[in-house]
């Protein structure tokens, strides 16, 4: 029985030619597959995060309309930090430029 296992193990090892050993191994990219529910969740929350960085002033305006309490104040502090980060990386300005270009493309109403 031990010799059969040894033969089976050795039989699965194919000899490698010297030419094949010199060729680079072609790695296949990893493909991650998500369920439809998880995909919807990721798209929704990624969109919210992108919009939060692109429009932090809107969130701040919305928070100003809420009754003041500890949670709202904490959120305002977080949004202020996000607003500074957005300005630092230039995302807020990029959004404003794109918005201005879009508005200029719209037909004017008289």
C-alpha atoms as a PDB file:
ATOM      1  CA  UNK A   1       0.000   0.000   0.000  1.00  0.00           C
ATOM      2  CA  UNK A   2       2.828   2.383   0.793  1.00  0.00           C
ATOM      3  CA  UNK A   3       4.430   1.718  -2.600  1.00  0.00           C
ATOM      4  CA  UNK A   4       1.138   2.491  -4.368  1.00  0.00           C
ATOM      5  CA  UNK A   5       0.898   5.856  -2.655  1.00  0.00           C
ATOM      6  CA  UNK A   6       4.482   6.612  -3.558  1.00  0.00           C
ATOM      7  CA  UNK A   7       3.887   5.664  -7.199  1.00  0.00           C
ATOM      8  CA  UNK A   8       0.718   7.764  -7.360  1.00  0.00           C
ATOM      9  CA  UNK A   9       2.493  10.762  -5.880  1.00  0.00           C
ATOM     10  CA  UNK A  10       5.424  10.404  -8.271  1.00  0.00           C
ATOM     11  CA  UNK A  11       3.139   9.864 -11.261  1.00  0.00           C
ATOM     12  CA  UNK A  12       1.499  13.274 -10.746  1.00  0.00           C
ATOM     13  CA  UNK A  13       4.824  15.095 -10.969  1.00  0.00           C
ATOM     14  CA  UNK A  14       5.494  15.736 -14.637  1.00  0.00           C
ATOM     15  CA  UNK A  15       9.071  16.386 -15.662  1.00  0.00           C
ATOM     16  CA  UNK A  16       9.835  20.015 -16.606  1.00  0.00           C
ATOM     17  CA  UNK A  17      11.941  20.680 -19.635  1.00  0.00           C
ATOM     18  CA  UNK A  18      14.806  23.186 -19.271  1.00  0.00           C
ATOM     19  CA  UNK A  19      13.137  25.479 -21.848  1.00  0.00           C
ATOM     20  CA  UNK A  20       9.864  25.496 -19.912  1.00  0.00           C
ATOM     21  CA  UNK A  21      11.726  26.230 -16.684  1.00  0.00           C
ATOM     22  CA  UNK A  22      13.193  29.424 -18.212  1.00  0.00           C
ATOM     23  CA  UNK A  23       9.828  30.798 -19.408  1.00  0.00           C
ATOM     24  CA  UNK A  24       8.122  33.266 -17.070  1.00  0.00           C
ATOM     25  CA  UNK A  25       5.010  32.037 -15.326  1.00  0.00           C
ATOM     26  CA  UNK A  26       1.882  33.788 -16.587  1.00  0.00           C
ATOM     27  CA  UNK A  27      -0.122  34.770 -13.544  1.00  0.00           C
ATOM     28  CA  UNK A  28      -3.867  35.098 -13.929  1.00  0.00           C
ATOM     29  CA  UNK A  29      -5.465  38.133 -12.297  1.00  0.00           C
ATOM     30  CA  UNK A  30      -7.609  37.376  -9.281  1.00  0.00           C
ATOM     31  CA  UNK A  31     -11.292  37.826  -9.982  1.00  0.00           C
ATOM     32  CA  UNK A  32     -13.484  38.624  -7.015  1.00  0.00           C
ATOM     33  CA  UNK A  33     -17.141  37.821  -7.495  1.00  0.00           C
ATOM     34  CA  UNK A  34     -19.743  39.384  -5.241  1.00  0.00           C
ATOM     35  CA  UNK A  35     -23.379  38.520  -4.795  1.00  0.00           C
ATOM     36  CA  UNK A  36     -25.860  41.022  -6.297  1.00  0.00           C
ATOM     37  CA  UNK A  37     -26.808  42.234  -2.816  1.00  0.00           C
ATOM     38  CA  UNK A  38     -23.188  42.811  -1.828  1.00  0.00           C
ATOM     39  CA  UNK A  39     -22.513  44.544  -5.145  1.00  0.00           C
ATOM     40  CA  UNK A  40     -25.470  46.888  -4.599  1.00  0.00           C
ATOM     41  CA  UNK A  41     -24.252  47.596  -1.068  1.00  0.00           C
ATOM     42  CA  UNK A  42     -20.722  48.402  -2.259  1.00  0.00           C
ATOM     43  CA  UNK A  43     -21.883  50.630  -5.109  1.00  0.00           C
ATOM     44  CA  UNK A  44     -24.276  52.526  -2.835  1.00  0.00           C
ATOM     45  CA  UNK A  45     -21.800  53.174  -0.046  1.00  0.00           C
ATOM     46  CA  UNK A  46     -18.893  53.955  -2.385  1.00  0.00           C
ATOM     47  CA  UNK A  47     -21.122  56.501  -4.134  1.00  0.00           C
ATOM     48  CA  UNK A  48     -22.039  58.049  -0.782  1.00  0.00           C
ATOM     49  CA  UNK A  49     -18.370  58.335   0.212  1.00  0.00           C
ATOM     50  CA  UNK A  50     -17.414  59.896  -3.150  1.00  0.00           C
ATOM     51  CA  UNK A  51     -20.280  62.389  -2.886  1.00  0.00           C
ATOM     52  CA  UNK A  52     -19.348  63.145   0.715  1.00  0.00           C
ATOM     53  CA  UNK A  53     -15.851  64.111  -0.424  1.00  0.00           C
ATOM     54  CA  UNK A  54     -17.121  65.974  -3.506  1.00  0.00           C
ATOM     55  CA  UNK A  55     -19.921  67.854  -1.701  1.00  0.00           C
ATOM     56  CA  UNK A  56     -18.995  68.156   1.970  1.00  0.00           C
ATOM     57  CA  UNK A  57     -20.669  71.565   2.204  1.00  0.00           C
ATOM     58  CA  UNK A  58     -24.028  70.016   1.370  1.00  0.00           C
ATOM     59  CA  UNK A  59     -23.739  67.584   4.257  1.00  0.00           C
ATOM     60  CA  UNK A  60     -22.728  70.434   6.548  1.00  0.00           C
ATOM     61  CA  UNK A  61     -25.774  72.452   5.437  1.00  0.00           C
ATOM     62  CA  UNK A  62     -28.010  69.454   6.103  1.00  0.00           C
ATOM     63  CA  UNK A  63     -26.489  68.995   9.560  1.00  0.00           C
ATOM     64  CA  UNK A  64     -27.092  72.680  10.335  1.00  0.00           C
ATOM     65  CA  UNK A  65     -30.822  72.091   9.776  1.00  0.00           C
ATOM     66  CA  UNK A  66     -30.935  69.352  12.433  1.00  0.00           C
ATOM     67  CA  UNK A  67     -31.543  70.115  16.106  1.00  0.00           C
ATOM     68  CA  UNK A  68     -28.213  70.459  17.926  1.00  0.00           C
ATOM     69  CA  UNK A  69     -27.099  67.513  20.017  1.00  0.00           C
ATOM     70  CA  UNK A  70     -23.878  65.606  20.684  1.00  0.00           C
ATOM     71  CA  UNK A  71     -24.283  63.316  17.670  1.00  0.00           C
ATOM     72  CA  UNK A  72     -24.866  66.197  15.236  1.00  0.00           C
ATOM     73  CA  UNK A  73     -21.872  68.087  16.648  1.00  0.00           C
ATOM     74  CA  UNK A  74     -19.675  65.012  16.220  1.00  0.00           C
ATOM     75  CA  UNK A  75     -20.884  64.614  12.635  1.00  0.00           C
ATOM     76  CA  UNK A  76     -20.179  68.299  11.940  1.00  0.00           C
ATOM     77  CA  UNK A  77     -16.648  67.869  13.242  1.00  0.00           C
ATOM     78  CA  UNK A  78     -16.153  64.822  11.021  1.00  0.00           C
ATOM     79  CA  UNK A  79     -17.563  66.640   7.986  1.00  0.00           C
ATOM     80  CA  UNK A  80     -15.255  69.600   8.639  1.00  0.00           C
ATOM     81  CA  UNK A  81     -12.300  67.204   8.614  1.00  0.00           C
ATOM     82  CA  UNK A  82     -13.567  65.594   5.400  1.00  0.00           C
ATOM     83  CA  UNK A  83     -14.058  69.041   3.851  1.00  0.00           C
ATOM     84  CA  UNK A  84     -10.431  69.951   4.599  1.00  0.00           C
ATOM     85  CA  UNK A  85      -9.245  66.636   3.133  1.00  0.00           C
ATOM     86  CA  UNK A  86     -11.401  67.178   0.038  1.00  0.00           C
ATOM     87  CA  UNK A  87      -9.920  70.632  -0.486  1.00  0.00           C
ATOM     88  CA  UNK A  88      -6.415  69.271   0.058  1.00  0.00           C
ATOM     89  CA  UNK A  89      -6.770  66.555  -2.600  1.00  0.00           C
ATOM     90  CA  UNK A  90      -8.671  68.883  -4.935  1.00  0.00           C
ATOM     91  CA  UNK A  91     -11.832  66.821  -5.271  1.00  0.00           C
ATOM     92  CA  UNK A  92     -14.177  69.618  -4.225  1.00  0.00           C
ATOM     93  CA  UNK A  93     -12.669  71.968  -6.819  1.00  0.00           C
ATOM     94  CA  UNK A  94     -12.828  69.258  -9.480  1.00  0.00           C
ATOM     95  CA  UNK A  95     -16.536  68.794  -8.734  1.00  0.00           C
ATOM     96  CA  UNK A  96     -17.174  72.551  -8.871  1.00  0.00           C
ATOM     97  CA  UNK A  97     -15.361  72.801 -12.235  1.00  0.00           C
ATOM     98  CA  UNK A  98     -17.336  69.864 -13.672  1.00  0.00           C
ATOM     99  CA  UNK A  99     -20.601  71.324 -12.342  1.00  0.00           C
ATOM    100  CA  UNK A 100     -19.820  74.700 -13.907  1.00  0.00           C
ATOM    101  CA  UNK A 101     -19.039  73.074 -17.260  1.00  0.00           C
ATOM    102  CA  UNK A 102     -22.287  71.099 -17.135  1.00  0.00           C
ATOM    103  CA  UNK A 103     -24.328  74.215 -16.328  1.00  0.00           C
ATOM    104  CA  UNK A 104     -22.735  76.069 -19.254  1.00  0.00           C
ATOM    105  CA  UNK A 105     -23.825  73.235 -21.565  1.00  0.00           C
ATOM    106  CA  UNK A 106     -27.462  73.482 -20.523  1.00  0.00           C
ATOM    107  CA  UNK A 107     -29.733  75.586 -22.759  1.00  0.00           C
ATOM    108  CA  UNK A 108     -30.585  78.948 -21.268  1.00  0.00           C
ATOM    109  CA  UNK A 109     -34.211  79.687 -20.415  1.00  0.00           C
ATOM    110  CA  UNK A 110     -35.534  83.147 -21.137  1.00  0.00           C
END
